[in-house]
N, C-alpha and C. Protein backbone atom coordinates (compact mmCIF):
# COMPACT_ATOMS: atom_id res chain seq x y z
N MET A 1 28.34 6.10 -15.36
CA MET A 1 28.98 7.21 -16.08
C MET A 1 29.73 8.06 -15.07
N PRO A 2 30.97 8.29 -15.31
CA PRO A 2 31.75 9.17 -14.36
C PRO A 2 31.15 10.58 -14.34
N ILE A 3 31.21 11.16 -13.14
CA ILE A 3 30.60 12.51 -12.91
C ILE A 3 31.16 13.56 -13.83
N VAL A 4 32.42 13.47 -14.21
CA VAL A 4 33.02 14.46 -15.09
C VAL A 4 32.38 14.45 -16.42
N LEU A 5 32.01 13.26 -16.93
CA LEU A 5 31.37 13.12 -18.23
C LEU A 5 29.99 13.70 -18.23
N PHE A 6 29.31 13.74 -17.09
CA PHE A 6 27.96 14.27 -17.01
C PHE A 6 27.92 15.72 -17.46
N HIS A 7 28.94 16.45 -17.23
CA HIS A 7 28.97 17.87 -17.54
C HIS A 7 28.88 18.14 -19.03
N TRP A 8 29.24 17.15 -19.85
CA TRP A 8 29.20 17.33 -21.30
C TRP A 8 27.72 17.28 -21.80
N ILE A 9 26.83 16.63 -21.07
CA ILE A 9 25.43 16.53 -21.53
C ILE A 9 24.51 17.45 -20.73
N ASN A 10 25.05 18.24 -19.80
CA ASN A 10 24.24 19.13 -18.99
C ASN A 10 23.99 20.44 -19.75
N PRO A 11 22.70 20.75 -20.09
CA PRO A 11 22.41 22.00 -20.85
C PRO A 11 22.79 23.28 -20.09
N LYS A 12 22.68 23.25 -18.77
CA LYS A 12 23.10 24.43 -17.99
C LYS A 12 24.60 24.68 -18.17
N ASN A 13 25.36 23.63 -18.27
CA ASN A 13 26.81 23.78 -18.45
C ASN A 13 27.12 24.42 -19.81
N TRP A 14 26.38 24.02 -20.84
CA TRP A 14 26.61 24.60 -22.16
C TRP A 14 26.32 26.09 -22.15
N ILE A 15 25.26 26.50 -21.47
CA ILE A 15 24.94 27.94 -21.38
C ILE A 15 26.04 28.63 -20.65
N LYS A 16 26.56 28.08 -19.54
CA LYS A 16 27.64 28.65 -18.79
C LYS A 16 28.90 28.80 -19.65
N ILE A 17 29.20 27.81 -20.40
CA ILE A 17 30.39 27.87 -21.27
C ILE A 17 30.26 28.91 -22.39
N ILE A 18 29.12 28.92 -23.03
CA ILE A 18 28.88 29.93 -24.09
C ILE A 18 28.95 31.32 -23.52
N THR A 19 28.35 31.55 -22.40
CA THR A 19 28.33 32.88 -21.74
C THR A 19 29.77 33.26 -21.35
N ALA A 20 30.51 32.37 -20.73
CA ALA A 20 31.86 32.67 -20.31
C ALA A 20 32.74 33.01 -21.49
N MET A 21 32.63 32.23 -22.56
CA MET A 21 33.48 32.47 -23.71
C MET A 21 33.13 33.79 -24.38
N SER A 22 31.83 34.12 -24.44
CA SER A 22 31.45 35.36 -25.10
C SER A 22 31.82 36.60 -24.28
N VAL A 23 31.89 36.43 -22.96
CA VAL A 23 32.19 37.55 -22.11
C VAL A 23 33.69 37.75 -21.84
N TYR A 24 34.39 36.64 -21.62
CA TYR A 24 35.79 36.71 -21.16
C TYR A 24 36.84 36.53 -22.24
N VAL A 25 36.47 36.06 -23.44
CA VAL A 25 37.41 36.03 -24.54
C VAL A 25 37.31 37.37 -25.24
N THR A 26 38.29 38.21 -24.98
CA THR A 26 38.22 39.62 -25.41
C THR A 26 39.10 40.00 -26.56
N SER A 27 40.02 39.12 -26.91
CA SER A 27 40.99 39.49 -27.95
C SER A 27 41.19 38.36 -28.92
N VAL A 28 41.19 38.67 -30.20
CA VAL A 28 41.37 37.62 -31.23
C VAL A 28 42.80 37.10 -31.11
N GLU A 29 43.74 37.95 -30.85
CA GLU A 29 45.15 37.52 -30.77
C GLU A 29 45.40 36.65 -29.54
N GLN A 30 44.73 36.91 -28.45
CA GLN A 30 44.92 36.17 -27.20
C GLN A 30 43.82 35.10 -26.97
N ALA A 31 43.01 34.85 -27.95
CA ALA A 31 41.84 33.98 -27.74
C ALA A 31 42.24 32.60 -27.27
N THR A 32 43.25 32.00 -27.85
CA THR A 32 43.64 30.66 -27.47
C THR A 32 44.06 30.59 -26.01
N MET A 33 44.89 31.53 -25.58
CA MET A 33 45.32 31.56 -24.17
C MET A 33 44.12 31.79 -23.24
N GLN A 34 43.25 32.70 -23.62
CA GLN A 34 42.10 33.01 -22.78
C GLN A 34 41.16 31.82 -22.65
N ILE A 35 40.98 31.06 -23.75
CA ILE A 35 40.15 29.88 -23.72
C ILE A 35 40.80 28.80 -22.85
N VAL A 36 42.11 28.64 -22.96
CA VAL A 36 42.80 27.67 -22.12
C VAL A 36 42.63 28.03 -20.62
N ILE A 37 42.75 29.28 -20.29
CA ILE A 37 42.65 29.69 -18.87
C ILE A 37 41.22 29.47 -18.40
N ILE A 38 40.24 29.84 -19.17
CA ILE A 38 38.84 29.61 -18.78
C ILE A 38 38.57 28.13 -18.61
N THR A 39 39.04 27.31 -19.54
CA THR A 39 38.85 25.85 -19.49
C THR A 39 39.49 25.28 -18.21
N MET A 40 40.69 25.71 -17.87
CA MET A 40 41.35 25.21 -16.71
C MET A 40 40.61 25.62 -15.43
N ILE A 41 40.07 26.83 -15.40
CA ILE A 41 39.30 27.31 -14.25
C ILE A 41 38.05 26.41 -14.07
N PHE A 42 37.35 26.17 -15.19
CA PHE A 42 36.18 25.32 -15.14
C PHE A 42 36.56 23.90 -14.70
N PHE A 43 37.64 23.38 -15.26
CA PHE A 43 38.05 21.99 -14.93
C PHE A 43 38.38 21.92 -13.43
N ILE A 44 39.09 22.84 -12.87
CA ILE A 44 39.45 22.81 -11.47
C ILE A 44 38.21 22.94 -10.60
N THR A 45 37.28 23.84 -10.92
CA THR A 45 36.08 23.99 -10.14
C THR A 45 35.18 22.79 -10.18
N VAL A 46 35.12 22.10 -11.35
CA VAL A 46 34.32 20.87 -11.48
C VAL A 46 34.93 19.78 -10.64
N LEU A 47 36.24 19.65 -10.66
CA LEU A 47 36.93 18.62 -9.87
C LEU A 47 36.68 18.86 -8.39
N ILE A 48 36.80 20.11 -7.94
CA ILE A 48 36.57 20.43 -6.52
C ILE A 48 35.14 20.14 -6.13
N SER A 49 34.21 20.69 -6.92
CA SER A 49 32.80 20.53 -6.54
C SER A 49 32.31 19.07 -6.60
N ALA A 50 32.68 18.35 -7.63
CA ALA A 50 32.27 16.96 -7.72
C ALA A 50 32.83 16.10 -6.60
N ASN A 51 34.08 16.36 -6.29
CA ASN A 51 34.67 15.60 -5.17
C ASN A 51 34.09 16.02 -3.84
N SER A 52 33.73 17.28 -3.68
CA SER A 52 33.08 17.73 -2.46
C SER A 52 31.72 17.03 -2.28
N TRP A 53 30.92 16.94 -3.36
CA TRP A 53 29.65 16.23 -3.31
C TRP A 53 29.87 14.77 -2.94
N ALA A 54 30.85 14.14 -3.55
CA ALA A 54 31.13 12.71 -3.27
C ALA A 54 31.56 12.52 -1.81
N LEU A 55 32.43 13.37 -1.34
CA LEU A 55 32.87 13.31 0.05
C LEU A 55 31.74 13.55 1.03
N GLY A 56 30.91 14.54 0.71
CA GLY A 56 29.72 14.80 1.55
C GLY A 56 28.82 13.61 1.65
N ARG A 57 28.63 12.92 0.50
CA ARG A 57 27.76 11.72 0.51
C ARG A 57 28.38 10.61 1.40
N VAL A 58 29.66 10.42 1.32
CA VAL A 58 30.36 9.41 2.14
C VAL A 58 30.18 9.74 3.61
N ILE A 59 30.39 11.00 3.96
CA ILE A 59 30.26 11.41 5.35
C ILE A 59 28.86 11.26 5.88
N LEU A 60 27.88 11.73 5.05
CA LEU A 60 26.48 11.59 5.48
C LEU A 60 26.05 10.14 5.59
N LYS A 61 26.54 9.33 4.69
CA LYS A 61 26.18 7.89 4.74
C LYS A 61 26.63 7.24 6.05
N LYS A 62 27.76 7.68 6.60
CA LYS A 62 28.22 7.18 7.89
C LYS A 62 27.34 7.57 9.04
N PHE A 63 26.76 8.80 8.98
CA PHE A 63 25.95 9.32 10.06
C PHE A 63 24.48 8.90 9.94
N ILE A 64 23.97 8.79 8.72
CA ILE A 64 22.58 8.50 8.51
C ILE A 64 22.46 7.03 8.02
N LYS A 65 22.02 6.19 8.95
CA LYS A 65 21.99 4.76 8.62
C LYS A 65 20.60 4.19 8.57
N SER A 66 19.56 4.93 8.98
CA SER A 66 18.23 4.37 9.00
C SER A 66 17.27 5.23 8.16
N ASP A 67 16.10 4.66 7.89
CA ASP A 67 15.09 5.42 7.14
C ASP A 67 14.59 6.62 7.94
N VAL A 68 14.55 6.50 9.27
CA VAL A 68 14.14 7.64 10.08
C VAL A 68 15.15 8.74 10.01
N GLY A 69 16.44 8.41 9.99
CA GLY A 69 17.51 9.40 9.86
C GLY A 69 17.44 10.10 8.49
N ILE A 70 17.18 9.35 7.47
CA ILE A 70 17.07 9.97 6.12
C ILE A 70 15.88 10.92 6.11
N LYS A 71 14.75 10.51 6.71
CA LYS A 71 13.57 11.38 6.73
C LYS A 71 13.87 12.67 7.49
N ARG A 72 14.53 12.54 8.64
CA ARG A 72 14.86 13.73 9.43
C ARG A 72 15.79 14.64 8.66
N PHE A 73 16.78 14.08 8.01
CA PHE A 73 17.69 14.88 7.17
C PHE A 73 16.96 15.59 6.07
N ASN A 74 16.06 14.92 5.40
CA ASN A 74 15.27 15.54 4.30
C ASN A 74 14.40 16.66 4.82
N VAL A 75 13.77 16.48 5.99
CA VAL A 75 12.93 17.52 6.58
C VAL A 75 13.80 18.75 6.96
N ILE A 76 14.93 18.50 7.53
CA ILE A 76 15.83 19.65 7.94
C ILE A 76 16.29 20.38 6.68
N MET A 77 16.65 19.64 5.65
CA MET A 77 17.09 20.31 4.40
C MET A 77 15.97 21.10 3.76
N ALA A 78 14.75 20.54 3.81
CA ALA A 78 13.59 21.28 3.24
C ALA A 78 13.35 22.57 3.99
N ILE A 79 13.43 22.51 5.30
CA ILE A 79 13.24 23.70 6.15
C ILE A 79 14.31 24.73 5.82
N LEU A 80 15.58 24.30 5.75
CA LEU A 80 16.65 25.23 5.39
C LEU A 80 16.47 25.83 4.01
N LEU A 81 15.96 25.08 3.08
CA LEU A 81 15.73 25.58 1.71
C LEU A 81 14.64 26.69 1.76
N VAL A 82 13.57 26.41 2.47
CA VAL A 82 12.51 27.44 2.58
C VAL A 82 13.02 28.69 3.31
N LEU A 83 13.79 28.50 4.36
CA LEU A 83 14.35 29.64 5.09
C LEU A 83 15.33 30.45 4.23
N SER A 84 16.01 29.79 3.29
CA SER A 84 16.91 30.56 2.44
C SER A 84 16.19 31.44 1.45
N ILE A 85 14.92 31.14 1.21
CA ILE A 85 14.12 31.96 0.28
C ILE A 85 13.47 33.15 1.00
N VAL A 86 13.28 33.02 2.30
CA VAL A 86 12.55 34.06 3.07
C VAL A 86 13.13 35.47 2.87
N PRO A 87 14.48 35.68 2.96
CA PRO A 87 14.98 37.03 2.78
C PRO A 87 14.61 37.64 1.41
N THR A 88 14.51 36.80 0.37
CA THR A 88 14.19 37.29 -0.95
C THR A 88 12.70 37.75 -0.99
N ILE A 89 11.87 37.04 -0.28
CA ILE A 89 10.43 37.38 -0.28
C ILE A 89 10.22 38.75 0.39
N PHE A 90 10.96 39.02 1.47
CA PHE A 90 10.76 40.29 2.18
C PHE A 90 11.66 41.37 1.71
N GLU A 91 12.32 41.21 0.66
CA GLU A 91 13.20 42.28 0.12
C GLU A 91 12.41 43.40 -0.53
């Protein structure tokens, strides 16, 4: 399944769309244009982010070729994830 089609079945995406439409569509007369603009913004951001993830995977696959490398990468990412939460805990 292409990555772009995945967004149609993602419940978080539906919440994002409903929220954006209810907040940013402000005029009945301009609703069509506002919906088109919001849709184009979402489309562009999805293309950029999906391609960034794909490119990142290709780059990481070139550098991480062994099971030990994958384990090291996972440990580093887990540590960074925990460290990203630390400021919130001490706020």
